[in-house]
Amino acid sequence: MPPFPTARWIGSLGQYPSHDSLCDSSIRTETYFLSRTKGAAIPRKLILAVVALVICLAVVEEVCHRTPHTRWQVVQDFEVIDGIPVYGMPAGQGEGVRNDACLTEDGADVLLLGDSILHGVLLDDRETLGPRLSQALKHADGSRACVVNASIPGFTLANEWAVLKRDWGRYTPKVVVLQIWHNTPFEYRVIGDMLYNFGPLLLDDGVPNPLRTPSAVNRVLFERSALWRHIVERTASARVPGRASDRFWGVLPTLDLLHQWLADRDAQLVLAYATPLREPWDMRARRDRDDFQVVRGWAEEKQVPSLWFSDILSSQPVEAVRLDTCCHLNADGMAMVSDAMEIILQPMLDELLSGPTPEEP
């Protein structure tokens, strides 16, 4: 429809409207609207205020979009394997830590599965577990064993299990070392085109909802607005009820599947229990066994060998082995863990690589 009544009338006579006639129409129309909105200074100020507010919100939205989250893990590039979202290290990062260079046509001897703790964040590649253990562990002929570290920062048990199945044909390890940590029971959720691990926070339709917004509205806002996500992050505090140790009941079915899956392939499982690094060891060791008591009981029943970081590191002050007060080890702490793993892994490899004992005649 043409913009002005006069233009429509001229067109109805089959005449092409001239520039002057359109200008006259515009002037008459503007005069008409101005006559209907005397004292329009206030509405104009309101419009300006709304425009300014929209611009401010757009700027804040962009700032929030560029501000990383600190309370939960967020991943942009991922794939879904058997319904489980997984991801890897950014391109060009982690190759030395992973230690794929030691692979032969026979695969690897040991595969490490964990998160940033077992990965060895902020350490030189040579100080991480893959290269260390590959130097320490030996085959019967004296050649070095191959230890691949498939640990990825932020991984949970579900991610580790999916990656193990996906990459088995490439690695076919004799032993899998699986890290147990407070992140183990949690699951990632796909929201929009991003992946989130909300940890122990109470969820409503898959996302935290501290402001008690209608569920569908909250999810749409969370998916589409970086500002809303940061508001939720700052205000969310409600957690899933129950003790932290109770969360591990949910991982036992996966541990059962993983353990049997390895046994069917003549491979063995070792559990490595990480530890927080805030407190002195005399307070920590007992609490670790309480926190992980569900998995500990399962491992004892299945006769799965276990390593406890709090036991391994307790000969040194906690300040001497930590990178931070969370859970990450410095080079000295990682060396102690590597030495303790060698003590358990070498006899296992000797037995597994020697083959069946020949029957006596």
Protein backbone atom coordinates (compact mmCIF):
# COMPACT_ATOMS: atom_id res chain seq x y z
CA MET A 1 0.00 0.00 0.00
CA PRO A 2 1.40 3.49 -0.87
CA PRO A 3 2.41 5.47 2.19
CA PHE A 4 0.03 8.45 1.89
CA PRO A 5 -3.69 8.88 1.03
CA THR A 6 -2.89 11.54 -1.59
CA ALA A 7 -0.45 9.22 -3.37
CA ARG A 8 -3.10 6.50 -3.43
CA TRP A 9 -5.69 8.92 -4.86
CA ILE A 10 -3.33 10.10 -7.62
CA GLY A 11 -2.53 6.53 -8.50
CA SER A 12 -6.24 5.75 -8.81
CA LEU A 13 -6.46 8.25 -11.67
CA GLY A 14 -3.76 6.35 -13.55
CA GLN A 15 -1.27 9.22 -13.14
CA TYR A 16 2.29 8.73 -11.95
CA PRO A 17 2.70 10.91 -8.82
CA SER A 18 5.16 13.72 -9.28
CA HIS A 19 7.92 14.51 -6.77
CA ASP A 20 6.13 17.71 -5.80
CA SER A 21 2.83 15.93 -5.21
CA LEU A 22 4.54 13.37 -2.95
CA CYS A 23 6.26 16.12 -0.99
CA ASP A 24 2.94 17.96 -0.63
CA SER A 25 1.34 14.78 0.59
CA SER A 26 4.16 14.25 3.10
CA ILE A 27 3.80 17.79 4.41
CA ARG A 28 0.05 17.48 4.77
CA THR A 29 0.39 14.12 6.49
CA GLU A 30 3.03 15.44 8.90
CA THR A 31 0.89 18.48 9.65
CA TYR A 32 -2.06 16.18 10.34
CA PHE A 33 -0.09 14.03 12.80
CA LEU A 34 1.43 17.02 14.54
CA SER A 35 -2.00 18.54 14.97
CA ARG A 36 -3.11 15.28 16.61
CA THR A 37 -0.08 15.15 19.00
CA LYS A 38 0.21 18.63 20.46
CA GLY A 39 2.66 18.64 23.33
CA ALA A 40 4.46 15.58 21.88
CA ALA A 41 7.74 16.52 23.59
CA ILE A 42 7.09 14.04 26.40
CA PRO A 43 6.41 11.05 24.07
CA ARG A 44 9.55 11.92 22.12
CA LYS A 45 11.58 11.89 25.32
CA LEU A 46 10.06 8.56 26.18
CA ILE A 47 11.00 7.19 22.78
CA LEU A 48 14.54 8.46 23.21
CA ALA A 49 14.70 6.85 26.64
CA VAL A 50 13.49 3.53 25.22
CA VAL A 51 16.03 3.71 22.40
CA ALA A 52 18.80 4.49 24.89
CA LEU A 53 17.68 1.56 27.06
CA VAL A 54 17.71 -0.80 24.09
CA ILE A 55 21.20 0.35 23.12
CA CYS A 56 22.43 -0.09 26.71
CA LEU A 57 20.95 -3.58 26.88
CA ALA A 58 22.59 -4.47 23.58
CA VAL A 59 25.96 -3.28 24.90
CA VAL A 60 25.51 -5.20 28.16
CA GLU A 61 24.44 -8.29 26.22
CA GLU A 62 27.62 -8.11 24.14
CA VAL A 63 29.78 -7.63 27.23
CA CYS A 64 28.10 -10.61 28.93
CA HIS A 65 28.57 -12.68 25.79
CA ARG A 66 32.32 -12.02 25.96
CA THR A 67 32.55 -12.65 29.74
CA PRO A 68 33.35 -16.30 30.59
CA HIS A 69 31.29 -18.18 33.14
CA THR A 70 33.02 -19.06 36.39
CA ARG A 71 30.54 -21.36 38.15
CA TRP A 72 29.93 -23.94 35.46
CA GLN A 73 31.64 -25.47 32.45
CA VAL A 74 30.53 -24.21 29.03
CA VAL A 75 31.60 -25.85 25.76
CA GLN A 76 30.84 -24.65 22.24
CA ASP A 77 32.36 -27.32 19.97
CA PHE A 78 31.16 -30.83 20.74
CA GLU A 79 29.74 -34.01 19.26
CA VAL A 80 27.15 -36.44 20.55
CA ILE A 81 28.08 -40.13 20.89
CA ASP A 82 25.27 -42.54 21.78
CA GLY A 83 23.35 -39.67 23.31
CA ILE A 84 26.33 -38.41 25.34
CA PRO A 85 27.88 -35.04 24.37
CA VAL A 86 31.68 -35.07 24.32
CA TYR A 87 34.39 -32.62 23.27
CA GLY A 88 38.14 -32.43 22.94
CA MET A 89 40.98 -30.01 23.45
CA PRO A 90 41.13 -26.92 21.20
CA ALA A 91 43.11 -27.43 18.01
CA GLY A 92 46.83 -27.27 18.61
CA GLN A 93 46.56 -27.91 22.35
CA GLY A 94 47.18 -31.02 24.40
CA GLU A 95 49.03 -33.22 21.90
CA GLY A 96 52.09 -33.52 24.14
CA VAL A 97 49.98 -34.26 27.20
CA ARG A 98 47.99 -36.89 25.34
CA ASN A 99 51.24 -38.56 24.30
CA ASP A 100 49.90 -40.18 21.13
CA ALA A 101 53.45 -40.20 19.77
CA CYS A 102 54.16 -43.42 21.66
CA LEU A 103 51.41 -45.36 19.86
CA THR A 104 52.35 -48.37 17.77
CA GLU A 105 50.25 -50.68 15.63
CA ASP A 106 49.52 -52.58 18.85
CA GLY A 107 47.95 -49.48 20.42
CA ALA A 108 48.72 -48.32 23.96
CA ASP A 109 49.55 -50.19 27.15
CA VAL A 110 47.76 -47.80 29.52
CA LEU A 111 44.96 -45.29 28.92
CA LEU A 112 44.29 -42.53 31.45
CA LEU A 113 40.75 -41.12 31.68
CA GLY A 114 39.95 -38.11 33.82
CA ASP A 115 39.44 -34.36 33.85
CA SER A 116 41.80 -31.41 34.32
CA ILE A 117 43.38 -33.01 37.39
CA LEU A 118 44.71 -36.07 35.58
CA HIS A 119 45.29 -34.00 32.44
CA GLY A 120 47.79 -31.82 34.31
CA VAL A 121 46.72 -28.28 33.50
CA LEU A 122 49.41 -25.57 33.33
CA LEU A 123 52.22 -28.12 33.50
CA ASP A 124 54.92 -28.64 30.91
CA ASP A 125 54.09 -31.63 28.72
CA ARG A 126 57.05 -33.59 30.10
CA GLU A 127 55.75 -33.11 33.65
CA THR A 128 52.36 -34.71 32.93
CA LEU A 129 51.44 -38.35 33.45
CA GLY A 130 51.55 -39.65 29.89
CA PRO A 131 55.20 -38.84 29.16
CA ARG A 132 56.27 -39.59 32.76
CA LEU A 133 54.72 -43.04 32.90
CA SER A 134 55.85 -43.91 29.38
CA GLN A 135 59.42 -43.35 30.55
CA ALA A 136 58.96 -45.31 33.78
CA LEU A 137 56.98 -48.37 32.66
CA LYS A 138 58.77 -51.10 30.73
CA HIS A 139 57.96 -54.11 28.61
CA ALA A 140 59.62 -57.44 29.33
CA ASP A 141 62.24 -56.74 26.63
CA GLY A 142 63.15 -53.44 28.30
CA SER A 143 61.40 -51.21 25.78
CA ARG A 144 59.21 -48.40 27.05
CA ALA A 145 55.51 -48.83 27.53
CA CYS A 146 53.02 -46.48 25.87
CA VAL A 147 50.74 -44.46 28.16
CA VAL A 148 48.12 -42.25 26.50
CA ASN A 149 46.42 -39.57 28.57
CA ALA A 150 42.91 -39.05 27.19
CA SER A 151 41.87 -36.86 30.13
CA ILE A 152 40.04 -33.67 29.13
CA PRO A 153 39.37 -30.74 31.51
CA GLY A 154 35.75 -30.81 32.68
CA PHE A 155 35.06 -34.45 31.75
CA THR A 156 32.60 -36.48 33.80
CA LEU A 157 32.21 -40.25 33.92
CA ALA A 158 29.61 -40.15 31.15
CA ASN A 159 32.08 -38.34 28.84
CA GLU A 160 34.92 -40.70 29.72
CA TRP A 161 32.80 -43.78 29.07
CA ALA A 162 31.68 -42.44 25.68
CA VAL A 163 35.26 -41.59 24.64
CA LEU A 164 36.55 -44.98 25.78
CA LYS A 165 34.07 -46.78 23.51
CA ARG A 166 34.68 -44.40 20.61
CA ASP A 167 38.49 -44.63 20.71
CA TRP A 168 38.94 -48.22 21.82
CA GLY A 169 39.92 -49.47 18.37
CA ARG A 170 42.74 -46.96 18.24
CA TYR A 171 44.21 -47.59 21.70
CA THR A 172 43.23 -51.13 22.81
CA PRO A 173 44.96 -50.58 26.19
CA LYS A 174 45.78 -53.33 28.65
CA VAL A 175 44.91 -51.10 31.64
CA VAL A 176 42.56 -48.15 32.00
CA VAL A 177 43.14 -45.72 34.89
CA LEU A 178 39.89 -43.91 35.69
CA GLN A 179 39.92 -40.78 37.85
CA ILE A 180 37.20 -40.36 40.49
CA TRP A 181 36.38 -36.81 41.54
CA HIS A 182 33.43 -34.69 42.65
CA ASN A 183 32.75 -33.91 38.98
CA THR A 184 32.36 -37.62 38.18
CA PRO A 185 28.57 -37.94 38.74
CA PHE A 186 27.50 -34.83 36.83
CA GLU A 187 26.19 -34.67 33.28
CA TYR A 188 26.44 -32.14 30.48
CA ARG A 189 23.27 -30.72 28.95
CA VAL A 190 22.84 -29.38 25.44
CA ILE A 191 21.03 -26.01 25.52
CA GLY A 192 20.77 -24.32 22.16
CA ASP A 193 24.15 -24.75 20.49
CA MET A 194 26.14 -24.87 23.74
CA LEU A 195 27.04 -27.52 26.29
CA TYR A 196 26.69 -26.88 30.04
CA ASN A 197 27.73 -28.73 33.18
CA PHE A 198 25.77 -27.19 36.06
CA GLY A 199 27.29 -29.46 38.69
CA PRO A 200 25.13 -29.95 41.80
CA LEU A 201 22.75 -27.04 41.13
CA LEU A 202 19.03 -27.77 41.26
CA LEU A 203 17.57 -27.62 37.74
CA ASP A 204 14.18 -26.74 36.29
CA ASP A 205 13.61 -28.04 32.76
CA GLY A 206 17.35 -28.64 32.47
CA VAL A 207 18.58 -25.21 33.62
CA PRO A 208 18.90 -23.39 36.98
CA ASN A 209 15.92 -21.19 37.77
CA PRO A 210 16.75 -19.14 40.89
CA LEU A 211 14.26 -16.37 40.05
CA ARG A 212 11.38 -18.87 39.72
CA THR A 213 10.54 -17.67 36.24
CA PRO A 214 8.06 -19.86 34.31
CA SER A 215 10.10 -22.87 33.19
CA ALA A 216 9.66 -22.45 29.44
CA VAL A 217 10.39 -18.71 29.62
CA ASN A 218 13.48 -19.25 31.74
CA ARG A 219 14.86 -21.85 29.34
CA VAL A 220 14.27 -19.66 26.27
CA LEU A 221 15.89 -16.65 27.97
CA PHE A 222 18.81 -18.80 29.13
CA GLU A 223 19.34 -20.13 25.64
CA ARG A 224 19.14 -16.78 23.86
CA SER A 225 20.44 -14.13 26.28
CA ALA A 226 23.98 -13.97 27.66
CA LEU A 227 22.79 -11.32 30.15
CA TRP A 228 20.14 -13.69 31.49
CA ARG A 229 22.66 -16.51 31.80
CA HIS A 230 24.94 -14.34 33.91
CA ILE A 231 22.02 -13.20 36.08
CA VAL A 232 21.12 -16.86 36.67
CA GLU A 233 24.75 -17.72 37.37
CA ARG A 234 25.07 -14.97 39.98
CA THR A 235 21.84 -15.84 41.78
CA ALA A 236 21.61 -19.64 41.54
CA SER A 237 22.30 -21.32 44.87
CA ALA A 238 19.76 -24.14 45.33
CA ARG A 239 21.42 -27.54 45.14
CA VAL A 240 20.14 -31.06 44.70
CA PRO A 241 19.28 -32.21 48.24
CA GLY A 242 21.31 -34.92 49.96
CA ARG A 243 24.94 -35.56 50.82
CA ALA A 244 27.62 -35.19 48.18
CA SER A 245 28.52 -38.86 48.56
CA ASP A 246 24.95 -39.87 47.66
CA ARG A 247 25.42 -38.52 44.13
CA PHE A 248 27.74 -41.41 43.37
CA TRP A 249 24.97 -43.98 43.60
CA GLY A 250 23.99 -42.82 40.12
CA VAL A 251 27.38 -43.72 38.61
CA LEU A 252 27.44 -47.37 39.72
CA PRO A 253 25.48 -48.68 36.70
CA THR A 254 27.99 -46.98 34.37
CA LEU A 255 30.92 -48.33 36.38
CA ASP A 256 29.41 -51.81 36.13
CA LEU A 257 29.10 -51.51 32.36
CA LEU A 258 32.60 -50.08 31.96
CA HIS A 259 34.18 -52.72 34.21
CA GLN A 260 32.49 -55.60 32.38
CA TRP A 261 33.25 -54.05 28.99
CA LEU A 262 36.97 -53.98 29.85
CA ALA A 263 36.89 -57.51 31.24
CA ASP A 264 35.36 -58.76 27.98
CA ARG A 265 38.41 -57.30 26.21
CA ASP A 266 40.96 -58.72 28.67
CA ALA A 267 41.75 -55.26 30.04
CA GLN A 268 41.86 -54.17 33.66
CA LEU A 269 40.58 -51.13 35.52
CA VAL A 270 42.33 -48.99 38.15
CA LEU A 271 40.62 -46.17 40.04
CA ALA A 272 42.47 -42.97 41.03
CA TYR A 273 40.73 -40.84 43.66
CA ALA A 274 41.70 -37.16 43.39
CA THR A 275 41.60 -34.90 46.44
CA PRO A 276 40.89 -31.25 47.29
CA LEU A 277 44.01 -29.31 48.22
CA ARG A 278 42.69 -26.78 50.72
CA GLU A 279 43.19 -28.61 54.01
CA PRO A 280 46.05 -30.37 55.81
CA TRP A 281 46.27 -34.09 55.06
CA ASP A 282 45.22 -35.28 58.52
CA MET A 283 41.79 -33.71 57.87
CA ARG A 284 41.54 -34.66 54.23
CA ALA A 285 42.21 -38.42 54.03
CA ARG A 286 39.22 -39.37 56.17
CA ARG A 287 36.90 -37.01 54.33
CA ASP A 288 37.95 -38.38 50.93
CA ARG A 289 36.94 -41.88 51.98
CA ASP A 290 33.62 -40.54 53.24
CA ASP A 291 32.95 -38.52 50.07
CA PHE A 292 33.76 -41.45 47.79
CA GLN A 293 32.46 -44.24 50.03
CA VAL A 294 29.90 -45.43 47.46
CA VAL A 295 32.52 -45.93 44.76
CA ARG A 296 35.02 -47.29 47.28
CA GLY A 297 32.55 -49.98 48.34
CA TRP A 298 31.90 -50.88 44.71
CA ALA A 299 35.65 -51.12 43.98
CA GLU A 300 36.26 -53.35 47.00
CA GLU A 301 33.46 -55.67 45.92
CA LYS A 302 34.80 -55.87 42.35
CA GLN A 303 38.43 -56.08 43.56
CA VAL A 304 39.43 -53.07 41.48
CA PRO A 305 42.84 -51.62 42.48
CA SER A 306 42.69 -48.05 43.78
CA LEU A 307 45.00 -45.08 44.30
CA TRP A 308 44.19 -42.31 46.79
CA PHE A 309 45.93 -39.00 46.04
CA SER A 310 45.60 -37.92 49.68
CA ASP A 311 47.65 -40.97 50.74
CA ILE A 312 50.21 -40.53 47.98
CA LEU A 313 50.83 -36.85 48.67
CA SER A 314 50.61 -36.86 52.46
CA SER A 315 54.38 -37.13 52.98
CA GLN A 316 54.68 -33.50 51.85
CA PRO A 317 52.88 -30.35 53.03
CA VAL A 318 49.85 -29.68 50.89
CA GLU A 319 51.33 -26.30 49.88
CA ALA A 320 54.34 -28.09 48.39
CA VAL A 321 52.36 -30.19 45.91
CA ARG A 322 49.45 -28.02 44.83
CA LEU A 323 49.01 -25.68 41.90
CA ASP A 324 45.89 -24.17 43.46
CA THR A 325 43.62 -24.76 46.43
CA CYS A 326 41.08 -26.63 44.33
CA CYS A 327 42.59 -29.89 43.20
CA HIS A 328 45.33 -29.35 40.61
CA LEU A 329 48.86 -30.58 41.24
CA ASN A 330 52.13 -28.88 40.50
CA ALA A 331 55.04 -30.72 38.90
CA ASP A 332 56.22 -32.17 42.23
CA GLY A 333 52.77 -33.45 43.12
CA MET A 334 52.30 -34.98 39.68
CA ALA A 335 55.67 -36.72 39.96
CA MET A 336 54.55 -38.31 43.25
CA VAL A 337 51.31 -39.53 41.66
CA SER A 338 53.27 -40.91 38.69
CA ASP A 339 55.61 -42.84 40.99
CA ALA A 340 52.66 -44.34 42.88
CA MET A 341 50.93 -45.35 39.62
CA GLU A 342 54.13 -47.00 38.42
CA ILE A 343 54.17 -49.23 41.50
CA ILE A 344 50.66 -50.51 40.71
CA LEU A 345 50.81 -50.53 36.91
CA GLN A 346 54.16 -52.24 36.30
CA PRO A 347 53.18 -55.60 37.89
CA MET A 348 49.84 -55.47 36.08
CA LEU A 349 51.57 -54.95 32.73
CA ASP A 350 54.09 -57.69 33.47
CA GLU A 351 51.26 -60.13 34.03
CA LEU A 352 49.06 -59.00 31.17
CA LEU A 353 51.88 -58.86 28.61
CA SER A 354 53.45 -62.17 29.56
CA GLY A 355 50.48 -64.11 28.21
CA PRO A 356 49.07 -67.34 29.65
CA THR A 357 51.45 -69.62 31.51
CA PRO A 358 52.16 -72.71 29.37
CA GLU A 359 50.76 -75.92 30.80
CA GLU A 360 53.31 -78.40 32.08
CA PRO A 361 53.35 -81.77 30.33
